[in-house]
Amino acid sequence: MKLLAIALSVLALSACGTIVAGQPYRGGDTVLLCHKGKKTMELPASAAQGHLNHGDRYGRC
């Protein structure tokens, strides 16, 4: 049972993205944006400015 709990914890943590020192980048040339204050989205960096223009912000919601 203990091994199962550890395995599930490792699996859950491995699926998490990392934001270091407030940087919005998750990997490659994508960014994390908080869309309309409700939904975290991972988008191509080239699409970020359009979202920022209508009020979205960098990072997770």
Foldseek 3Di string as FASTA:
>chain_A
DVVVVVVVVVVVVVPDFDDPPNAQDRDDQWGWKCQPVHAIDIGGVVCVVVRVVVPIGGDGD
